[in-house]
């Protein structure tokens, strides 16, 4: 078992090596990896370019699961709270 810092780096490296987020977004990748290692259930973010990106998220979820981590929900606060205009 890796120590937490090394585990965060390992997950971040995996996300980047699978081209799920670009190297230039390393801080965003570390944000996700830290949440995973910290067993966060919900990661709310306004960053839709790299983190809450609906195109990339299924692949990130699959990768994290293949690495043995429980799924966390990554979304924007508005998505998490639901749309008050449609009764969610």
N, C-alpha and C. Protein backbone atom coordinates (compact mmCIF):
# COMPACT_ATOMS: atom_id res chain seq x y z
N UNK A 1 0.84 -1.19 0.00
CA UNK A 1 0.00 0.00 0.00
C UNK A 1 0.88 1.25 0.00
N UNK A 2 0.54 2.19 -0.83
CA UNK A 2 1.31 3.42 -0.92
C UNK A 2 0.92 4.37 0.21
N UNK A 3 1.86 5.24 0.58
CA UNK A 3 1.52 6.30 1.53
C UNK A 3 0.61 7.29 0.80
N UNK A 4 -0.24 8.02 1.53
CA UNK A 4 -1.24 8.88 0.86
C UNK A 4 -0.68 9.80 -0.22
N UNK A 5 0.43 10.50 0.04
CA UNK A 5 0.97 11.41 -0.97
C UNK A 5 1.39 10.66 -2.23
N UNK A 6 2.03 9.52 -2.04
CA UNK A 6 2.45 8.71 -3.19
C UNK A 6 1.25 8.15 -3.93
N UNK A 7 0.21 7.80 -3.19
CA UNK A 7 -1.00 7.28 -3.82
C UNK A 7 -1.69 8.36 -4.65
N UNK A 8 -1.73 9.57 -4.14
CA UNK A 8 -2.30 10.69 -4.89
C UNK A 8 -1.51 10.89 -6.19
N UNK A 9 -0.20 10.90 -6.10
CA UNK A 9 0.65 11.06 -7.28
C UNK A 9 0.43 9.93 -8.28
N UNK A 10 0.31 8.71 -7.76
CA UNK A 10 0.10 7.54 -8.63
C UNK A 10 -1.22 7.66 -9.40
N UNK A 11 -2.29 8.02 -8.71
CA UNK A 11 -3.59 8.18 -9.36
C UNK A 11 -3.53 9.31 -10.39
N UNK A 12 -2.91 10.41 -10.02
CA UNK A 12 -2.76 11.54 -10.95
C UNK A 12 -2.00 11.11 -12.20
N UNK A 13 -0.92 10.37 -12.01
CA UNK A 13 -0.14 9.89 -13.15
C UNK A 13 -0.97 8.97 -14.05
N UNK A 14 -1.79 8.13 -13.44
CA UNK A 14 -2.65 7.23 -14.21
C UNK A 14 -3.67 8.01 -15.04
N UNK A 15 -4.27 9.01 -14.43
CA UNK A 15 -5.27 9.83 -15.15
C UNK A 15 -4.61 10.51 -16.35
N UNK A 16 -3.43 11.06 -16.14
CA UNK A 16 -2.73 11.74 -17.23
C UNK A 16 -2.24 10.74 -18.28
N UNK A 17 -1.71 9.60 -17.84
CA UNK A 17 -1.17 8.62 -18.80
C UNK A 17 -2.27 8.00 -19.67
N UNK A 18 -3.50 8.00 -19.18
CA UNK A 18 -4.62 7.51 -19.97
C UNK A 18 -5.27 8.63 -20.80
N UNK A 19 -4.62 9.79 -20.81
CA UNK A 19 -5.07 10.96 -21.59
C UNK A 19 -6.48 11.40 -21.22
N UNK A 20 -6.82 11.26 -19.93
CA UNK A 20 -8.14 11.70 -19.48
C UNK A 20 -8.15 13.17 -19.10
N UNK A 21 -6.99 13.67 -18.72
CA UNK A 21 -6.80 15.10 -18.48
C UNK A 21 -5.39 15.44 -18.96
N UNK A 22 -5.20 16.65 -19.45
CA UNK A 22 -3.87 17.01 -19.96
C UNK A 22 -2.86 17.27 -18.84
N UNK A 23 -1.61 17.10 -19.17
CA UNK A 23 -0.52 17.36 -18.22
C UNK A 23 -0.60 18.79 -17.69
N UNK A 24 -1.00 19.73 -18.53
CA UNK A 24 -1.06 21.13 -18.10
C UNK A 24 -2.13 21.34 -17.01
N UNK A 25 -3.01 20.37 -16.84
CA UNK A 25 -4.06 20.47 -15.82
C UNK A 25 -3.69 19.65 -14.58
N UNK A 26 -2.40 19.50 -14.32
CA UNK A 26 -1.93 18.65 -13.22
C UNK A 26 -2.58 19.02 -11.87
N UNK A 27 -2.76 20.30 -11.59
CA UNK A 27 -3.39 20.68 -10.32
C UNK A 27 -4.84 20.18 -10.25
N UNK A 28 -5.55 20.22 -11.37
CA UNK A 28 -6.91 19.68 -11.40
C UNK A 28 -6.89 18.16 -11.19
N UNK A 29 -5.93 17.51 -11.81
CA UNK A 29 -5.79 16.06 -11.66
C UNK A 29 -5.48 15.71 -10.21
N UNK A 30 -4.61 16.48 -9.58
CA UNK A 30 -4.28 16.24 -8.17
C UNK A 30 -5.49 16.48 -7.28
N UNK A 31 -6.34 17.41 -7.65
CA UNK A 31 -7.58 17.67 -6.91
C UNK A 31 -8.45 16.41 -6.91
N UNK A 32 -8.64 15.82 -8.08
CA UNK A 32 -9.44 14.60 -8.19
C UNK A 32 -8.77 13.46 -7.43
N UNK A 33 -7.47 13.29 -7.62
CA UNK A 33 -6.75 12.19 -6.96
C UNK A 33 -6.78 12.33 -5.45
N UNK A 34 -6.68 13.54 -4.94
CA UNK A 34 -6.75 13.76 -3.49
C UNK A 34 -8.13 13.41 -2.95
N UNK A 35 -9.16 13.74 -3.70
CA UNK A 35 -10.52 13.40 -3.29
C UNK A 35 -10.70 11.89 -3.23
N UNK A 36 -10.13 11.19 -4.21
CA UNK A 36 -10.23 9.73 -4.24
C UNK A 36 -9.53 9.12 -3.03
N UNK A 37 -8.31 9.54 -2.78
CA UNK A 37 -7.54 8.99 -1.66
C UNK A 37 -8.21 9.35 -0.33
N UNK A 38 -8.83 10.50 -0.26
CA UNK A 38 -9.52 10.92 0.95
C UNK A 38 -10.91 10.32 1.11
N UNK A 39 -11.28 9.42 0.21
CA UNK A 39 -12.58 8.74 0.25
C UNK A 39 -13.76 9.71 0.22
N UNK A 40 -13.60 10.79 -0.52
CA UNK A 40 -14.68 11.77 -0.69
C UNK A 40 -15.78 11.12 -1.53
N UNK A 41 -17.02 11.34 -1.16
CA UNK A 41 -18.15 10.78 -1.91
C UNK A 41 -18.63 11.72 -3.00
N UNK A 42 -18.51 13.03 -2.75
CA UNK A 42 -18.98 14.04 -3.69
C UNK A 42 -17.91 15.09 -3.87
N UNK A 43 -17.50 15.33 -5.10
CA UNK A 43 -16.55 16.39 -5.42
C UNK A 43 -17.30 17.42 -6.25
N UNK A 44 -17.61 18.55 -5.63
CA UNK A 44 -18.33 19.62 -6.32
C UNK A 44 -17.32 20.62 -6.84
N UNK A 45 -17.48 20.99 -8.09
CA UNK A 45 -16.54 21.91 -8.72
C UNK A 45 -17.24 22.73 -9.79
N UNK A 46 -16.73 23.91 -10.01
CA UNK A 46 -17.20 24.75 -11.11
C UNK A 46 -16.30 24.54 -12.34
N UNK A 47 -15.28 23.72 -12.20
CA UNK A 47 -14.33 23.49 -13.28
C UNK A 47 -14.88 22.43 -14.23
N UNK A 48 -15.54 22.88 -15.29
CA UNK A 48 -16.12 21.96 -16.27
C UNK A 48 -15.17 21.66 -17.43
N UNK A 49 -14.08 22.37 -17.48
CA UNK A 49 -13.12 22.12 -18.55
C UNK A 49 -12.41 20.79 -18.33
N UNK A 50 -11.92 20.55 -17.11
CA UNK A 50 -11.15 19.34 -16.85
C UNK A 50 -11.78 18.39 -15.85
N UNK A 51 -12.47 18.90 -14.84
CA UNK A 51 -12.92 18.03 -13.76
C UNK A 51 -14.36 17.55 -13.98
N UNK A 52 -15.30 18.44 -14.04
CA UNK A 52 -16.71 18.06 -14.21
C UNK A 52 -17.07 18.05 -15.70
N UNK A 53 -16.29 17.36 -16.47
CA UNK A 53 -16.46 17.30 -17.92
C UNK A 53 -17.21 16.01 -18.26
N UNK A 54 -18.43 16.15 -18.71
CA UNK A 54 -19.29 14.98 -18.97
C UNK A 54 -18.71 14.03 -20.01
N UNK A 55 -17.87 14.52 -20.89
CA UNK A 55 -17.26 13.67 -21.90
C UNK A 55 -16.19 12.76 -21.29
N UNK A 56 -15.47 13.28 -20.32
CA UNK A 56 -14.34 12.56 -19.72
C UNK A 56 -14.73 11.76 -18.48
N UNK A 57 -15.73 12.21 -17.75
CA UNK A 57 -16.07 11.60 -16.47
C UNK A 57 -16.30 10.09 -16.52
N UNK A 58 -17.04 9.54 -17.48
CA UNK A 58 -17.21 8.09 -17.47
C UNK A 58 -15.89 7.33 -17.51
N UNK A 59 -14.94 7.86 -18.27
CA UNK A 59 -13.63 7.21 -18.36
C UNK A 59 -12.84 7.36 -17.06
N UNK A 60 -12.95 8.49 -16.41
CA UNK A 60 -12.29 8.68 -15.12
C UNK A 60 -12.89 7.72 -14.11
N UNK A 61 -14.22 7.63 -14.07
CA UNK A 61 -14.88 6.70 -13.15
C UNK A 61 -14.41 5.27 -13.40
N UNK A 62 -14.34 4.86 -14.66
CA UNK A 62 -13.90 3.50 -15.00
C UNK A 62 -12.46 3.27 -14.55
N UNK A 63 -11.59 4.25 -14.79
CA UNK A 63 -10.19 4.12 -14.39
C UNK A 63 -10.07 3.98 -12.88
N UNK A 64 -10.76 4.84 -12.14
CA UNK A 64 -10.68 4.79 -10.68
C UNK A 64 -11.18 3.45 -10.17
N UNK A 65 -12.24 2.94 -10.78
CA UNK A 65 -12.76 1.64 -10.38
C UNK A 65 -11.74 0.53 -10.67
N UNK A 66 -11.08 0.62 -11.83
CA UNK A 66 -10.07 -0.39 -12.18
C UNK A 66 -8.87 -0.34 -11.24
N UNK A 67 -8.64 0.83 -10.63
CA UNK A 67 -7.55 0.97 -9.66
C UNK A 67 -7.99 0.56 -8.25
N UNK A 68 -9.25 0.16 -8.11
CA UNK A 68 -9.74 -0.34 -6.84
C UNK A 68 -10.36 0.69 -5.92
N UNK A 69 -10.72 1.83 -6.46
CA UNK A 69 -11.31 2.89 -5.64
C UNK A 69 -12.81 2.96 -5.84
N UNK A 70 -13.50 3.30 -4.76
CA UNK A 70 -14.94 3.48 -4.83
C UNK A 70 -15.25 4.69 -5.69
N UNK A 71 -16.37 4.66 -6.34
CA UNK A 71 -16.76 5.79 -7.17
C UNK A 71 -17.14 6.98 -6.31
N UNK A 72 -16.74 8.13 -6.78
CA UNK A 72 -17.20 9.37 -6.18
C UNK A 72 -18.01 10.08 -7.25
N UNK A 73 -18.88 10.95 -6.84
CA UNK A 73 -19.66 11.73 -7.78
C UNK A 73 -18.97 13.06 -7.98
N UNK A 74 -18.64 13.37 -9.22
CA UNK A 74 -18.03 14.65 -9.57
C UNK A 74 -19.07 15.42 -10.37
N UNK A 75 -19.42 16.61 -9.88
CA UNK A 75 -20.40 17.43 -10.59
C UNK A 75 -20.31 18.87 -10.12
N UNK A 76 -21.05 19.72 -10.78
CA UNK A 76 -21.13 21.12 -10.37
C UNK A 76 -22.12 21.23 -9.20
N UNK A 77 -22.03 22.29 -8.42
CA UNK A 77 -23.02 22.48 -7.36
C UNK A 77 -24.45 22.52 -7.89
N UNK A 78 -24.66 23.15 -9.03
CA UNK A 78 -26.01 23.21 -9.61
C UNK A 78 -26.52 21.82 -9.96
N UNK A 79 -25.67 20.98 -10.52
CA UNK A 79 -26.08 19.61 -10.83
C UNK A 79 -26.40 18.83 -9.55
N UNK A 80 -25.59 19.04 -8.54
CA UNK A 80 -25.77 18.34 -7.27
C UNK A 80 -27.10 18.72 -6.61
N UNK A 81 -27.42 19.99 -6.65
CA UNK A 81 -28.64 20.47 -6.00
C UNK A 81 -29.88 20.26 -6.84
N UNK A 82 -29.70 20.04 -8.14
CA UNK A 82 -30.84 19.89 -9.02
C UNK A 82 -31.31 21.24 -9.53
N UNK A 83 -32.10 21.20 -10.55
CA UNK A 83 -32.63 22.42 -11.17
C UNK A 83 -33.97 22.77 -10.53
N UNK A 84 -34.03 23.87 -9.79
CA UNK A 84 -35.29 24.26 -9.11
C UNK A 84 -36.42 24.55 -10.11
N UNK A 85 -36.08 24.82 -11.36
CA UNK A 85 -37.10 25.15 -12.34
C UNK A 85 -37.84 23.92 -12.88
N UNK A 86 -37.23 22.72 -12.71
CA UNK A 86 -37.92 21.53 -13.22
C UNK A 86 -38.37 20.57 -12.12
N UNK A 87 -38.32 21.03 -10.89
CA UNK A 87 -38.82 20.23 -9.78
C UNK A 87 -37.87 19.16 -9.29
N UNK A 88 -36.62 19.18 -9.70
CA UNK A 88 -35.65 18.17 -9.26
C UNK A 88 -35.30 18.34 -7.81
